[in-house]
Amino acid sequence: MPACPVETTLSLIGDKWKVLVLRDLITGTKRFGELKKSIGTVSQKVLTAQIRDMVENGLVHRKVYAEVPPRMEYSLTELGQSLQPVLDAMRNWGEDYKSKNA
């Protein structure tokens, strides 16, 4: 981990797609297709890699159901949920910026 805490945070969620996945999972459990549809322009390969990275870092939980075809659901772990204030601050800042520069 980097010595700087800001750099640590950025290394975990500094990608545009990761932040959007977190935004969507804050409201509850989602399937891959729901995330892909909500985010839109991301490729399946990139989204899969980003989610996999967040699972490995303990931010996202992946639940696999023993069905054919396999069904997977994603939700935030307790650690991932602890990012809510960060996402709220980003949303508030974005809203302020948009209102002042509209």
N, C-alpha and C. Protein backbone atom coordinates (compact mmCIF):
# COMPACT_ATOMS: atom_id res chain seq x y z
N MET A 1 0.84 -1.19 0.00
CA MET A 1 0.00 0.00 0.00
C MET A 1 0.88 1.25 0.00
N PRO A 2 0.44 2.26 -0.71
CA PRO A 2 1.17 3.52 -0.71
C PRO A 2 1.18 4.16 0.68
N ALA A 3 2.18 4.97 0.94
CA ALA A 3 2.28 5.66 2.23
C ALA A 3 1.18 6.70 2.40
N CYS A 4 0.79 7.34 1.31
CA CYS A 4 -0.22 8.39 1.34
C CYS A 4 -1.62 7.79 1.37
N PRO A 5 -2.47 8.16 2.34
CA PRO A 5 -3.82 7.60 2.41
C PRO A 5 -4.69 7.94 1.21
N VAL A 6 -4.50 9.13 0.65
CA VAL A 6 -5.28 9.50 -0.54
C VAL A 6 -4.90 8.59 -1.70
N GLU A 7 -3.63 8.31 -1.84
CA GLU A 7 -3.16 7.41 -2.90
C GLU A 7 -3.69 6.00 -2.69
N THR A 8 -3.78 5.56 -1.44
CA THR A 8 -4.34 4.24 -1.13
C THR A 8 -5.79 4.18 -1.59
N THR A 9 -6.56 5.21 -1.24
CA THR A 9 -7.97 5.26 -1.65
C THR A 9 -8.10 5.24 -3.16
N LEU A 10 -7.30 6.06 -3.83
CA LEU A 10 -7.34 6.10 -5.29
C LEU A 10 -6.95 4.78 -5.91
N SER A 11 -6.02 4.07 -5.30
CA SER A 11 -5.63 2.77 -5.86
C SER A 11 -6.77 1.76 -5.77
N LEU A 12 -7.67 1.94 -4.80
CA LEU A 12 -8.79 1.01 -4.63
C LEU A 12 -10.02 1.40 -5.42
N ILE A 13 -10.31 2.71 -5.54
CA ILE A 13 -11.55 3.12 -6.20
C ILE A 13 -11.33 4.22 -7.24
N GLY A 14 -10.07 4.47 -7.62
CA GLY A 14 -9.76 5.60 -8.48
C GLY A 14 -10.16 5.44 -9.93
N ASP A 15 -10.70 4.33 -10.31
CA ASP A 15 -11.13 4.13 -11.68
C ASP A 15 -12.58 4.57 -11.84
N LYS A 16 -12.89 5.20 -12.95
CA LYS A 16 -14.24 5.69 -13.23
C LYS A 16 -15.28 4.57 -13.07
N TRP A 17 -14.98 3.41 -13.59
CA TRP A 17 -15.96 2.32 -13.56
C TRP A 17 -16.18 1.80 -12.16
N LYS A 18 -15.13 1.74 -11.36
CA LYS A 18 -15.27 1.26 -9.98
C LYS A 18 -16.19 2.16 -9.19
N VAL A 19 -16.04 3.45 -9.35
CA VAL A 19 -16.89 4.39 -8.62
C VAL A 19 -18.35 4.22 -9.04
N LEU A 20 -18.59 3.99 -10.33
CA LEU A 20 -19.96 3.80 -10.79
C LEU A 20 -20.55 2.48 -10.30
N VAL A 21 -19.73 1.45 -10.20
CA VAL A 21 -20.20 0.18 -9.62
C VAL A 21 -20.57 0.40 -8.16
N LEU A 22 -19.71 1.09 -7.43
CA LEU A 22 -20.01 1.39 -6.03
C LEU A 22 -21.30 2.19 -5.90
N ARG A 23 -21.46 3.19 -6.77
CA ARG A 23 -22.69 4.00 -6.77
C ARG A 23 -23.93 3.12 -6.92
N ASP A 24 -23.87 2.15 -7.81
CA ASP A 24 -25.01 1.28 -8.06
C ASP A 24 -25.24 0.28 -6.93
N LEU A 25 -24.16 -0.20 -6.32
CA LEU A 25 -24.31 -1.20 -5.26
C LEU A 25 -24.67 -0.60 -3.91
N ILE A 26 -24.50 0.71 -3.75
CA ILE A 26 -24.90 1.38 -2.50
C ILE A 26 -26.38 1.14 -2.24
N THR A 27 -27.17 1.08 -3.31
CA THR A 27 -28.62 0.92 -3.15
C THR A 27 -29.03 -0.54 -2.94
N GLY A 28 -28.10 -1.48 -3.10
CA GLY A 28 -28.43 -2.88 -2.87
C GLY A 28 -27.79 -3.82 -3.86
N THR A 29 -28.07 -5.09 -3.70
CA THR A 29 -27.50 -6.16 -4.51
C THR A 29 -27.94 -6.04 -5.96
N LYS A 30 -27.00 -6.29 -6.87
CA LYS A 30 -27.28 -6.22 -8.30
C LYS A 30 -26.64 -7.42 -9.00
N ARG A 31 -27.23 -7.80 -10.12
CA ARG A 31 -26.63 -8.80 -11.00
C ARG A 31 -25.75 -8.08 -12.01
N PHE A 32 -24.87 -8.84 -12.66
CA PHE A 32 -23.93 -8.25 -13.61
C PHE A 32 -24.65 -7.46 -14.70
N GLY A 33 -25.71 -8.04 -15.26
CA GLY A 33 -26.45 -7.37 -16.33
C GLY A 33 -27.03 -6.04 -15.90
N GLU A 34 -27.48 -5.97 -14.65
CA GLU A 34 -28.03 -4.72 -14.13
C GLU A 34 -26.93 -3.65 -14.03
N LEU A 35 -25.76 -4.07 -13.56
CA LEU A 35 -24.64 -3.13 -13.48
C LEU A 35 -24.23 -2.66 -14.86
N LYS A 36 -24.11 -3.59 -15.78
CA LYS A 36 -23.70 -3.25 -17.16
C LYS A 36 -24.70 -2.28 -17.79
N LYS A 37 -25.97 -2.54 -17.61
CA LYS A 37 -27.00 -1.68 -18.19
C LYS A 37 -26.97 -0.28 -17.58
N SER A 38 -26.79 -0.20 -16.27
CA SER A 38 -26.77 1.08 -15.58
C SER A 38 -25.56 1.92 -15.97
N ILE A 39 -24.42 1.27 -16.09
CA ILE A 39 -23.18 1.99 -16.39
C ILE A 39 -23.11 2.33 -17.88
N GLY A 40 -23.59 1.43 -18.72
CA GLY A 40 -23.72 1.76 -20.14
C GLY A 40 -22.51 1.50 -21.00
N THR A 41 -21.63 2.46 -21.13
CA THR A 41 -20.59 2.40 -22.16
C THR A 41 -19.39 1.51 -21.85
N VAL A 42 -19.32 0.93 -20.68
CA VAL A 42 -18.20 0.06 -20.32
C VAL A 42 -18.34 -1.29 -21.03
N SER A 43 -17.21 -1.85 -21.45
CA SER A 43 -17.25 -3.17 -22.07
C SER A 43 -17.40 -4.24 -21.00
N GLN A 44 -17.91 -5.39 -21.40
CA GLN A 44 -18.09 -6.50 -20.46
C GLN A 44 -16.75 -6.91 -19.87
N LYS A 45 -15.72 -6.95 -20.69
CA LYS A 45 -14.38 -7.37 -20.23
C LYS A 45 -13.85 -6.42 -19.16
N VAL A 46 -13.97 -5.13 -19.39
CA VAL A 46 -13.47 -4.13 -18.43
C VAL A 46 -14.28 -4.18 -17.15
N LEU A 47 -15.60 -4.24 -17.27
CA LEU A 47 -16.44 -4.28 -16.08
C LEU A 47 -16.15 -5.53 -15.25
N THR A 48 -15.98 -6.66 -15.90
CA THR A 48 -15.64 -7.90 -15.19
C THR A 48 -14.32 -7.74 -14.43
N ALA A 49 -13.32 -7.15 -15.08
CA ALA A 49 -12.01 -6.95 -14.44
C ALA A 49 -12.11 -6.01 -13.25
N GLN A 50 -12.89 -4.94 -13.40
CA GLN A 50 -13.04 -3.97 -12.31
C GLN A 50 -13.75 -4.60 -11.11
N ILE A 51 -14.81 -5.34 -11.38
CA ILE A 51 -15.54 -6.00 -10.29
C ILE A 51 -14.64 -7.04 -9.61
N ARG A 52 -13.93 -7.81 -10.41
CA ARG A 52 -13.02 -8.82 -9.86
C ARG A 52 -11.99 -8.18 -8.92
N ASP A 53 -11.46 -7.04 -9.34
CA ASP A 53 -10.48 -6.32 -8.52
C ASP A 53 -11.10 -5.86 -7.20
N MET A 54 -12.33 -5.37 -7.26
CA MET A 54 -13.00 -4.91 -6.03
C MET A 54 -13.34 -6.09 -5.12
N VAL A 55 -13.65 -7.24 -5.69
CA VAL A 55 -13.87 -8.44 -4.88
C VAL A 55 -12.57 -8.83 -4.18
N GLU A 56 -11.48 -8.84 -4.91
CA GLU A 56 -10.17 -9.20 -4.34
C GLU A 56 -9.74 -8.23 -3.23
N ASN A 57 -10.13 -6.96 -3.36
CA ASN A 57 -9.77 -5.95 -2.36
C ASN A 57 -10.76 -5.86 -1.22
N GLY A 58 -11.78 -6.71 -1.22
CA GLY A 58 -12.70 -6.78 -0.11
C GLY A 58 -13.80 -5.72 -0.09
N LEU A 59 -14.01 -5.03 -1.22
CA LEU A 59 -15.05 -4.00 -1.29
C LEU A 59 -16.39 -4.56 -1.73
N VAL A 60 -16.35 -5.60 -2.56
CA VAL A 60 -17.56 -6.18 -3.16
C VAL A 60 -17.60 -7.67 -2.85
N HIS A 61 -18.80 -8.15 -2.55
CA HIS A 61 -19.03 -9.58 -2.33
C HIS A 61 -19.70 -10.16 -3.58
N ARG A 62 -19.21 -11.29 -4.03
CA ARG A 62 -19.76 -11.99 -5.20
C ARG A 62 -20.40 -13.28 -4.72
N LYS A 63 -21.70 -13.41 -4.95
CA LYS A 63 -22.42 -14.63 -4.56
C LYS A 63 -22.79 -15.39 -5.82
N VAL A 64 -22.36 -16.64 -5.89
CA VAL A 64 -22.62 -17.50 -7.04
C VAL A 64 -23.69 -18.52 -6.65
N TYR A 65 -24.72 -18.62 -7.48
CA TYR A 65 -25.78 -19.59 -7.26
C TYR A 65 -25.51 -20.81 -8.15
N ALA A 66 -25.71 -21.99 -7.60
CA ALA A 66 -25.48 -23.24 -8.33
C ALA A 66 -26.67 -23.51 -9.24
N GLU A 67 -26.74 -22.79 -10.33
CA GLU A 67 -27.81 -22.93 -11.31
C GLU A 67 -27.19 -23.02 -12.70
N VAL A 68 -28.00 -23.46 -13.64
CA VAL A 68 -27.56 -23.47 -15.03
C VAL A 68 -28.55 -22.61 -15.81
N PRO A 69 -28.10 -21.53 -16.44
CA PRO A 69 -26.74 -20.97 -16.38
C PRO A 69 -26.46 -20.38 -14.99
N PRO A 70 -25.17 -20.25 -14.64
CA PRO A 70 -24.83 -19.73 -13.32
C PRO A 70 -25.33 -18.30 -13.15
N ARG A 71 -25.80 -18.02 -11.95
CA ARG A 71 -26.28 -16.68 -11.63
C ARG A 71 -25.39 -16.12 -10.54
N MET A 72 -24.96 -14.87 -10.73
CA MET A 72 -24.11 -14.21 -9.75
C MET A 72 -24.74 -12.90 -9.33
N GLU A 73 -24.60 -12.59 -8.06
CA GLU A 73 -25.06 -11.31 -7.54
C GLU A 73 -23.91 -10.64 -6.82
N TYR A 74 -23.92 -9.32 -6.90
CA TYR A 74 -22.86 -8.52 -6.29
C TYR A 74 -23.47 -7.58 -5.27
N SER A 75 -22.79 -7.44 -4.15
CA SER A 75 -23.21 -6.51 -3.11
C SER A 75 -21.96 -5.94 -2.46
N LEU A 76 -22.15 -4.85 -1.73
CA LEU A 76 -21.02 -4.26 -1.03
C LEU A 76 -20.76 -5.00 0.27
N THR A 77 -19.51 -5.17 0.58
CA THR A 77 -19.12 -5.71 1.89
C THR A 77 -19.25 -4.56 2.90
N GLU A 78 -19.00 -4.85 4.14
CA GLU A 78 -19.02 -3.80 5.16
C GLU A 78 -17.97 -2.73 4.83
N LEU A 79 -16.81 -3.18 4.36
CA LEU A 79 -15.77 -2.24 3.95
C LEU A 79 -16.24 -1.38 2.78
N GLY A 80 -16.88 -2.00 1.81
CA GLY A 80 -17.41 -1.24 0.68
C GLY A 80 -18.47 -0.25 1.10
N GLN A 81 -19.33 -0.64 2.04
CA GLN A 81 -20.37 0.25 2.54
C GLN A 81 -19.78 1.45 3.27
N SER A 82 -18.59 1.27 3.83
CA SER A 82 -17.96 2.38 4.55
C SER A 82 -17.54 3.51 3.60
N LEU A 83 -17.61 3.27 2.30
CA LEU A 83 -17.30 4.31 1.31
C LEU A 83 -18.49 5.23 1.03
N GLN A 84 -19.64 4.96 1.63
CA GLN A 84 -20.83 5.79 1.38
C GLN A 84 -20.56 7.28 1.61
N PRO A 85 -19.91 7.70 2.71
CA PRO A 85 -19.66 9.13 2.89
C PRO A 85 -18.77 9.73 1.78
N VAL A 86 -17.85 8.94 1.26
CA VAL A 86 -16.99 9.40 0.17
C VAL A 86 -17.84 9.62 -1.08
N LEU A 87 -18.70 8.67 -1.40
CA LEU A 87 -19.56 8.79 -2.57
C LEU A 87 -20.57 9.93 -2.40
N ASP A 88 -21.10 10.09 -1.19
CA ASP A 88 -22.02 11.20 -0.93
C ASP A 88 -21.32 12.54 -1.15
N ALA A 89 -20.08 12.65 -0.66
CA ALA A 89 -19.32 13.89 -0.85
C ALA A 89 -19.06 14.15 -2.33
N MET A 90 -18.76 13.10 -3.08
CA MET A 90 -18.53 13.26 -4.53
C MET A 90 -19.82 13.72 -5.22
N ARG A 91 -20.95 13.12 -4.84
CA ARG A 91 -22.24 13.51 -5.42
C ARG A 91 -22.56 14.97 -5.10
N ASN A 92 -22.40 15.35 -3.84
CA ASN A 92 -22.68 16.73 -3.43
C ASN A 92 -21.79 17.73 -4.15
N TRP A 93 -20.52 17.40 -4.25
CA TRP A 93 -19.60 18.29 -4.95
C TRP A 93 -20.00 18.43 -6.42
N GLY A 94 -20.35 17.30 -7.04
CA GLY A 94 -20.77 17.32 -8.44
C GLY A 94 -22.03 18.13 -8.66
N GLU A 95 -22.99 18.00 -7.74
CA GLU A 95 -24.21 18.79 -7.84
C GLU A 95 -23.93 20.28 -7.71
N ASP A 96 -23.06 20.65 -6.75
CA ASP A 96 -22.69 22.06 -6.58
C ASP A 96 -21.99 22.59 -7.83
N TYR A 97 -21.07 21.81 -8.36
CA TYR A 97 -20.35 22.23 -9.55
C TYR A 97 -21.31 22.44 -10.72
N LYS A 98 -22.21 21.48 -10.93
CA LYS A 98 -23.16 21.59 -12.03
C LYS A 98 -24.07 22.81 -11.88
N SER A 99 -24.52 23.09 -10.65
CA SER A 99 -25.42 24.22 -10.45
C SER A 99 -24.71 25.56 -10.66
N LYS A 100 -23.43 25.63 -10.36
CA LYS A 100 -22.67 26.87 -10.53
C LYS A 100 -22.16 27.07 -11.94
N ASN A 101 -22.11 26.00 -12.72
CA ASN A 101 -21.55 26.08 -14.07
C ASN A 101 -22.56 25.67 -15.14
N ALA A 102 -23.83 25.74 -14.82
CA ALA A 102 -24.87 25.34 -15.78
C ALA A 102 -25.14 26.44 -16.80
